[in-house]
Protein backbone atom coordinates (compact mmCIF):
# COMPACT_ATOMS: atom_id res chain seq x y z
CA MET A 1 -52.71 36.48 57.76
CA GLN A 2 -50.31 33.60 57.21
CA HIS A 3 -46.77 34.82 57.77
CA ALA A 4 -44.24 33.01 55.55
CA LEU A 5 -41.05 32.34 57.45
CA THR A 6 -37.96 31.81 55.34
CA ARG A 7 -34.63 32.62 56.93
CA ARG A 8 -35.74 31.46 60.34
CA THR A 9 -38.79 29.31 59.77
CA LEU A 10 -39.87 27.16 62.68
CA LEU A 11 -41.64 24.79 60.35
CA LYS A 12 -38.30 23.12 59.79
CA SER A 13 -37.24 20.42 62.21
CA ALA A 14 -35.57 21.52 65.40
CA ALA A 15 -32.76 19.28 64.22
CA ALA A 16 -31.66 22.26 62.14
CA ALA A 17 -30.40 23.66 65.42
CA GLY A 18 -27.40 21.42 64.99
CA ALA A 19 -26.34 23.29 61.86
CA ILE A 20 -24.69 26.08 63.81
CA GLY A 21 -22.08 28.34 62.29
CA LEU A 22 -20.42 28.65 58.89
CA GLY A 23 -17.23 27.10 57.69
CA GLY A 24 -14.30 29.12 58.98
CA ALA A 25 -16.43 31.13 61.39
CA PHE A 26 -15.19 31.64 64.94
CA THR A 27 -17.91 29.86 66.95
CA GLY A 28 -18.55 28.11 70.21
CA ARG A 29 -15.87 29.98 72.12
CA ARG A 30 -16.16 29.71 75.87
CA ALA A 31 -15.49 32.65 78.12
CA PHE A 32 -14.68 31.12 81.51
CA ALA A 33 -14.99 27.92 83.54
CA GLY A 34 -18.01 28.95 85.57
CA THR A 35 -21.73 28.18 85.28
CA PRO A 36 -22.27 26.94 81.69
CA PHE A 37 -24.48 29.23 79.62
CA THR A 38 -25.04 29.27 75.85
CA MET A 39 -26.33 32.03 73.60
CA GLN A 40 -27.37 31.62 69.97
CA SER A 41 -26.62 34.51 67.63
CA SER A 42 -28.97 35.53 64.84
CA TRP A 43 -26.39 35.76 62.06
CA VAL A 44 -22.75 35.19 61.11
CA ASN A 45 -20.04 36.85 63.16
CA ASP A 46 -19.75 40.50 62.20
CA ALA A 47 -19.93 43.93 63.81
CA GLU A 48 -23.60 43.40 64.62
CA PHE A 49 -22.39 41.37 67.61
CA THR A 50 -19.23 43.26 68.64
CA GLY A 51 -20.52 43.97 72.15
CA TYR A 52 -20.75 40.27 73.02
CA PHE A 53 -17.25 39.61 71.72
CA THR A 54 -16.01 42.59 73.72
CA ALA A 55 -17.68 41.26 76.87
CA ILE A 56 -15.92 37.92 76.40
CA ASP A 57 -12.60 39.61 75.66
CA LYS A 58 -12.84 41.83 78.76
CA GLY A 59 -13.93 39.00 81.03
CA PHE A 60 -17.34 40.48 81.85
CA TYR A 61 -19.15 37.12 81.65
CA ALA A 62 -16.39 35.50 83.68
CA ALA A 63 -16.78 38.21 86.34
CA GLU A 64 -20.45 37.26 86.58
CA GLY A 65 -19.50 33.61 87.02
CA LEU A 66 -20.77 32.53 83.59
CA ASP A 67 -18.96 30.10 81.30
CA LEU A 68 -20.39 31.51 78.06
CA THR A 69 -20.57 29.54 74.85
CA TYR A 70 -21.33 31.85 71.91
CA GLN A 71 -22.88 30.11 68.91
CA SER A 72 -22.69 31.84 65.54
CA GLY A 73 -25.75 32.06 63.33
CA GLY A 74 -26.12 31.92 59.57
CA PRO A 75 -28.61 31.40 56.74
CA ASP A 76 -29.28 27.81 57.81
CA VAL A 77 -29.54 28.49 61.53
CA ILE A 78 -32.97 29.01 63.09
CA PRO A 79 -32.48 30.72 66.47
CA GLU A 80 -35.93 29.81 67.75
CA SER A 81 -35.30 26.15 67.00
CA THR A 82 -32.14 26.18 69.08
CA LEU A 83 -34.25 27.35 72.02
CA LEU A 84 -36.54 24.37 71.56
CA SER A 85 -33.52 22.07 71.54
CA GLY A 86 -32.16 23.40 74.83
CA THR A 87 -30.15 26.57 74.17
CA PRO A 88 -31.15 28.98 76.97
CA LEU A 89 -31.03 32.26 75.02
CA ALA A 90 -31.16 33.40 71.40
CA LEU A 91 -31.18 36.61 69.39
CA THR A 92 -34.16 36.68 67.02
CA SER A 93 -36.39 38.99 65.05
CA PRO A 94 -39.66 39.72 66.88
CA ASP A 95 -41.90 38.91 63.93
CA THR A 96 -40.70 35.30 63.62
CA THR A 97 -40.69 34.82 67.39
CA ILE A 98 -44.20 36.13 67.84
CA VAL A 99 -45.50 34.04 64.94
CA ALA A 100 -44.00 31.03 66.71
CA ILE A 101 -45.76 31.98 69.95
CA ALA A 102 -49.12 32.95 68.45
CA GLN A 103 -49.48 30.33 65.72
CA GLN A 104 -47.42 27.41 67.00
CA GLY A 105 -47.71 27.77 70.77
CA ALA A 106 -43.95 28.13 71.29
CA PRO A 107 -43.16 28.81 74.98
CA PHE A 108 -41.05 31.91 74.32
CA LYS A 109 -40.65 35.25 76.07
CA ILE A 110 -38.93 38.33 74.67
CA ILE A 111 -36.91 39.75 77.57
CA ALA A 112 -34.81 42.51 75.94
CA THR A 113 -33.80 43.99 72.59
CA GLN A 114 -30.41 44.78 71.11
CA TYR A 115 -31.75 47.27 68.56
CA GLN A 116 -34.23 49.94 69.57
CA LYS A 117 -34.66 50.71 65.87
CA ASN A 118 -34.44 47.96 63.29
CA PRO A 119 -31.49 48.65 60.91
CA LEU A 120 -33.56 47.47 57.94
CA GLY A 121 -34.13 50.24 55.43
CA VAL A 122 -34.39 51.33 51.82
CA VAL A 123 -31.00 51.97 50.23
CA SER A 124 -30.56 53.96 47.02
CA LEU A 125 -27.87 55.87 45.16
CA ALA A 126 -27.38 59.55 45.92
CA SER A 127 -27.47 60.14 42.16
CA ASN A 128 -31.02 58.71 42.10
CA PRO A 129 -32.12 59.28 45.70
CA ILE A 130 -35.14 57.82 47.43
CA HIS A 131 -35.57 59.73 50.67
CA GLU A 132 -38.99 58.51 51.80
CA PRO A 133 -41.67 55.97 50.87
CA LYS A 134 -43.52 58.21 48.41
CA ASP A 135 -40.33 58.43 46.34
CA LEU A 136 -40.74 54.72 45.59
CA ILE A 137 -43.75 55.36 43.35
CA GLY A 138 -42.85 54.36 39.82
CA LYS A 139 -39.54 52.86 40.94
CA THR A 140 -38.08 49.35 41.08
CA LEU A 141 -37.40 48.11 44.60
CA ALA A 142 -35.49 44.89 45.30
CA VAL A 143 -36.83 43.11 48.39
CA PRO A 144 -35.61 39.92 50.12
CA PRO A 145 -38.53 37.46 50.45
CA VAL A 146 -38.20 37.48 54.25
CA ASN A 147 -38.89 41.24 54.28
CA ALA A 148 -41.78 41.29 51.82
CA VAL A 149 -44.47 41.71 54.48
CA SER A 150 -42.55 44.57 56.11
CA VAL A 151 -42.42 46.38 52.78
CA GLU A 152 -46.13 45.76 52.28
CA ALA A 153 -46.70 47.38 55.67
CA LEU A 154 -44.42 50.31 54.80
CA LEU A 155 -46.42 51.05 51.67
CA ARG A 156 -49.79 50.61 53.38
CA LEU A 157 -48.85 52.77 56.37
CA ASN A 158 -47.76 55.54 54.04
CA GLY A 159 -50.81 55.41 51.78
CA ILE A 160 -49.04 53.96 48.75
CA ASP A 161 -50.76 51.46 46.47
CA ALA A 162 -48.39 48.51 46.13
CA SER A 163 -49.17 48.30 42.41
CA ARG A 164 -47.35 51.62 41.95
CA VAL A 165 -44.02 50.13 43.05
CA ARG A 166 -42.28 47.40 41.05
CA ILE A 167 -41.04 44.79 43.52
CA VAL A 168 -38.30 42.37 42.42
CA PRO A 169 -36.38 39.71 44.42
CA TYR A 170 -33.20 40.69 46.27
CA GLU A 171 -30.36 38.40 47.34
CA TYR A 172 -28.36 40.76 49.59
CA ASP A 173 -26.09 41.79 46.71
CA PRO A 174 -26.00 45.54 45.93
CA THR A 175 -24.48 45.02 42.47
CA PRO A 176 -27.79 45.59 40.60
CA LEU A 177 -28.23 48.87 42.50
CA ILE A 178 -24.68 49.97 41.76
CA LYS A 179 -25.22 49.18 38.06
CA GLY A 180 -28.52 51.08 37.99
CA GLU A 181 -30.59 47.99 37.18
CA ILE A 182 -32.86 48.75 40.15
CA ASP A 183 -33.66 52.01 41.93
CA ALA A 184 -33.39 50.80 45.52
CA SER A 185 -33.03 47.74 47.73
CA VAL A 186 -34.15 46.72 51.19
CA ASP A 187 -31.17 45.86 53.37
CA PHE A 188 -29.29 46.83 56.52
CA THR A 189 -28.55 50.56 56.36
CA THR A 190 -25.65 49.96 58.75
CA ASN A 191 -23.65 47.98 56.23
CA VAL A 192 -24.67 48.10 52.56
CA PRO A 193 -23.92 51.82 52.05
CA TYR A 194 -20.27 51.04 52.79
CA THR A 195 -20.18 48.39 50.05
CA ILE A 196 -21.71 50.84 47.61
CA GLU A 197 -19.20 53.54 48.50
CA GLN A 198 -16.34 51.08 47.96
CA ALA A 199 -17.67 50.62 44.43
CA GLY A 200 -17.24 54.35 43.82
CA LYS A 201 -20.86 55.38 44.35
CA LYS A 202 -22.52 57.36 47.13
CA ALA A 203 -25.49 55.85 48.91
CA THR A 204 -28.45 57.29 50.75
CA SER A 205 -30.99 55.45 52.87
CA PHE A 206 -33.92 55.64 55.26
CA LEU A 207 -35.15 53.25 57.93
CA LEU A 208 -38.47 51.45 57.65
CA TYR A 209 -38.72 52.14 61.37
CA ASP A 210 -38.89 55.89 60.80
CA PHE A 211 -41.90 55.49 58.53
CA GLY A 212 -44.17 53.36 60.69
CA VAL A 213 -42.63 49.86 60.68
CA THR A 214 -41.62 50.23 64.33
CA ILE A 215 -40.18 46.80 65.02
CA TYR A 216 -37.19 45.90 67.20
CA ASN A 217 -34.38 43.68 65.95
CA ASP A 218 -32.12 41.11 67.60
CA THR A 219 -34.62 40.62 70.37
CA VAL A 220 -33.36 38.54 73.30
CA VAL A 221 -35.58 35.48 73.61
CA VAL A 222 -35.74 32.66 76.15
CA THR A 223 -38.17 29.88 76.94
CA GLU A 224 -40.63 30.25 79.80
CA GLU A 225 -38.81 27.39 81.54
CA THR A 226 -35.46 29.19 81.42
CA LEU A 227 -37.07 32.40 82.63
CA LYS A 228 -38.53 30.56 85.59
CA ASN A 229 -35.67 28.21 86.50
CA ASP A 230 -32.51 30.10 85.48
CA ARG A 231 -33.37 33.74 86.01
CA ALA A 232 -30.07 34.34 87.84
CA SER A 233 -28.06 33.40 84.75
CA LEU A 234 -30.21 35.63 82.55
CA VAL A 235 -29.60 38.60 84.85
CA LYS A 236 -25.85 37.89 84.80
CA TRP A 237 -25.80 37.50 81.01
CA LEU A 238 -27.71 40.73 80.48
CA ARG A 239 -25.52 42.65 82.93
CA ALA A 240 -22.31 41.45 81.27
CA SER A 241 -23.63 42.00 77.75
CA ARG A 242 -24.70 45.53 78.61
CA LYS A 243 -21.17 46.20 79.90
CA GLY A 244 -19.74 44.76 76.69
CA TRP A 245 -21.69 47.13 74.48
CA ALA A 246 -20.90 50.10 76.73
CA GLU A 247 -17.20 49.22 76.56
CA ASN A 248 -17.35 48.84 72.78
CA TYR A 249 -18.87 52.29 72.37
CA LYS A 250 -16.34 54.08 74.51
CA ASP A 251 -14.54 54.13 71.15
CA PRO A 252 -16.23 52.18 68.31
CA ALA A 253 -12.96 52.08 66.38
CA VAL A 254 -11.10 49.95 68.94
CA TYR A 255 -12.60 46.46 68.90
CA PRO A 256 -13.33 45.59 65.22
CA PRO A 257 -9.61 45.62 64.33
CA LYS A 258 -8.87 43.57 67.43
CA PHE A 259 -11.28 40.83 66.33
CA ALA A 260 -10.20 40.74 62.67
CA ASP A 261 -8.28 37.48 63.07
CA SER A 262 -10.62 35.84 65.55
CA TRP A 263 -14.35 36.55 65.67
CA PHE A 264 -14.55 38.21 62.24
CA LYS A 265 -12.16 35.89 60.47
CA GLY A 266 -13.66 34.29 57.38
CA ASN A 267 -16.79 36.43 57.12
CA GLY A 268 -15.65 38.01 53.85
CA ARG A 269 -15.59 41.60 55.07
CA THR A 270 -12.74 44.00 55.61
CA THR A 271 -11.90 45.55 58.95
CA GLU A 272 -12.90 48.92 57.50
CA ASN A 273 -16.33 47.52 56.69
CA GLU A 274 -16.73 46.25 60.26
CA LEU A 275 -15.68 49.64 61.60
CA TYR A 276 -18.31 51.36 59.46
CA PHE A 277 -20.96 48.88 60.62
CA ASN A 278 -20.02 49.23 64.29
CA LYS A 279 -20.24 53.01 64.19
CA ALA A 280 -23.42 53.13 62.11
CA GLN A 281 -25.44 50.93 64.45
CA GLN A 282 -24.67 52.76 67.68
CA ALA A 283 -27.51 55.27 67.44
CA LEU A 284 -29.97 52.46 66.71
CA MET A 285 -29.05 50.60 69.88
CA GLU A 286 -28.72 53.28 72.53
CA HIS A 287 -31.47 54.06 75.03
CA PRO A 288 -31.46 56.54 77.95
CA LYS A 289 -31.99 53.64 80.35
CA GLY A 290 -29.19 51.54 78.89
CA PHE A 291 -28.58 48.98 76.18
CA PHE A 292 -31.22 46.25 75.77
CA THR A 293 -34.00 48.35 77.33
CA MET A 294 -37.60 47.65 76.30
CA ASP A 295 -39.84 50.46 77.50
CA GLU A 296 -43.62 50.45 77.34
CA ALA A 297 -43.73 52.88 74.42
CA GLY A 298 -41.36 50.71 72.39
CA ILE A 299 -43.28 47.53 73.14
CA ALA A 300 -46.58 49.20 72.20
CA ALA A 301 -45.04 50.43 68.94
CA ASN A 302 -43.91 46.90 68.11
CA ILE A 303 -47.34 45.45 68.82
CA GLU A 304 -48.94 48.09 66.61
CA ALA A 305 -46.49 47.61 63.73
CA LEU A 306 -46.70 43.82 63.85
CA GLY A 307 -50.46 44.12 63.71
CA GLN A 308 -50.06 46.01 60.44
CA ILE A 309 -48.43 42.95 58.88
CA GLY A 310 -50.99 40.53 60.24
CA ILE A 311 -49.07 39.33 63.29
CA LYS A 312 -51.06 39.51 66.51
CA ALA A 313 -48.67 40.36 69.34
CA THR A 314 -49.76 40.92 72.93
CA ARG A 315 -48.04 42.59 75.87
CA ASP A 316 -47.59 39.31 77.75
CA MET A 317 -45.22 38.06 75.02
CA PHE A 318 -42.73 40.64 76.32
CA ASP A 319 -41.28 40.23 79.82
CA THR A 320 -39.25 43.11 81.26
CA SER A 321 -38.72 41.58 84.71
CA VAL A 322 -35.12 40.50 84.01
CA LEU A 323 -34.22 44.00 82.82
CA GLU A 324 -35.64 45.37 86.05
CA GLU A 325 -33.16 43.24 88.02
CA VAL A 326 -30.08 44.35 86.09
């Protein structure tokens, strides 16, 4: 099955890697004058990345001897392309990364994951609730093009004929849902419900992950060359990043207000929105063995789910050796 990449397509020139960050975004900040190391984020600066900002703020990368440059993402930034142009580490989605490996021969390895459960889900209004996939029958669902194959998999895995659900395009704006023009949308469950509540409505949601689409998100990806030649820096980065997320979740209300005029400045969201986001994502990230863990059950679940959307993943695309050294 041909997988159409949109937000992060590798079919674009790697020159797109130069288009890093959005106007006004807080990007490229360095943590300490040590060993230079750059990470590429998967999206614009918001609460999704609070743990990294916390690690910089607390000096965790500096303590490891890393001079970290954090590069913001955005709609025109392709994390995988930045890897090909020399950035040592990027946060990606596993479907686009594995397509790049399997179909284009990209020399990538997935070495960790930020989210154990992908935050992507189906959001609806409590006044017209959709609690599970079967509730979508006869309804109108707005879906971003980049998530179309995941929704196809959701319906197939739950025995629902796609013709029984009206799919319309979605542009990450919940206004049509709030106005009742659609019944549900596919978006991050960690963020959009807050926007809906601010509009005076109550939202409900479920994760695609909980109904068979068991795919990680914000996977930590490096090239095979970096894994071989700069393993020490990867271990240090992972150790410091894990400390950053642990520090953030000692009290998830502490750091978003602190970063309002720095990291989060210009992203168009209120501090209250970032607080909601930061708290909502915690349960999706935690693992008994620590943040960023990829266990064998989780990897197998990803391989199975990706297979359902026509993406052939194999165990050797995932490398847990760096995690084992942390």
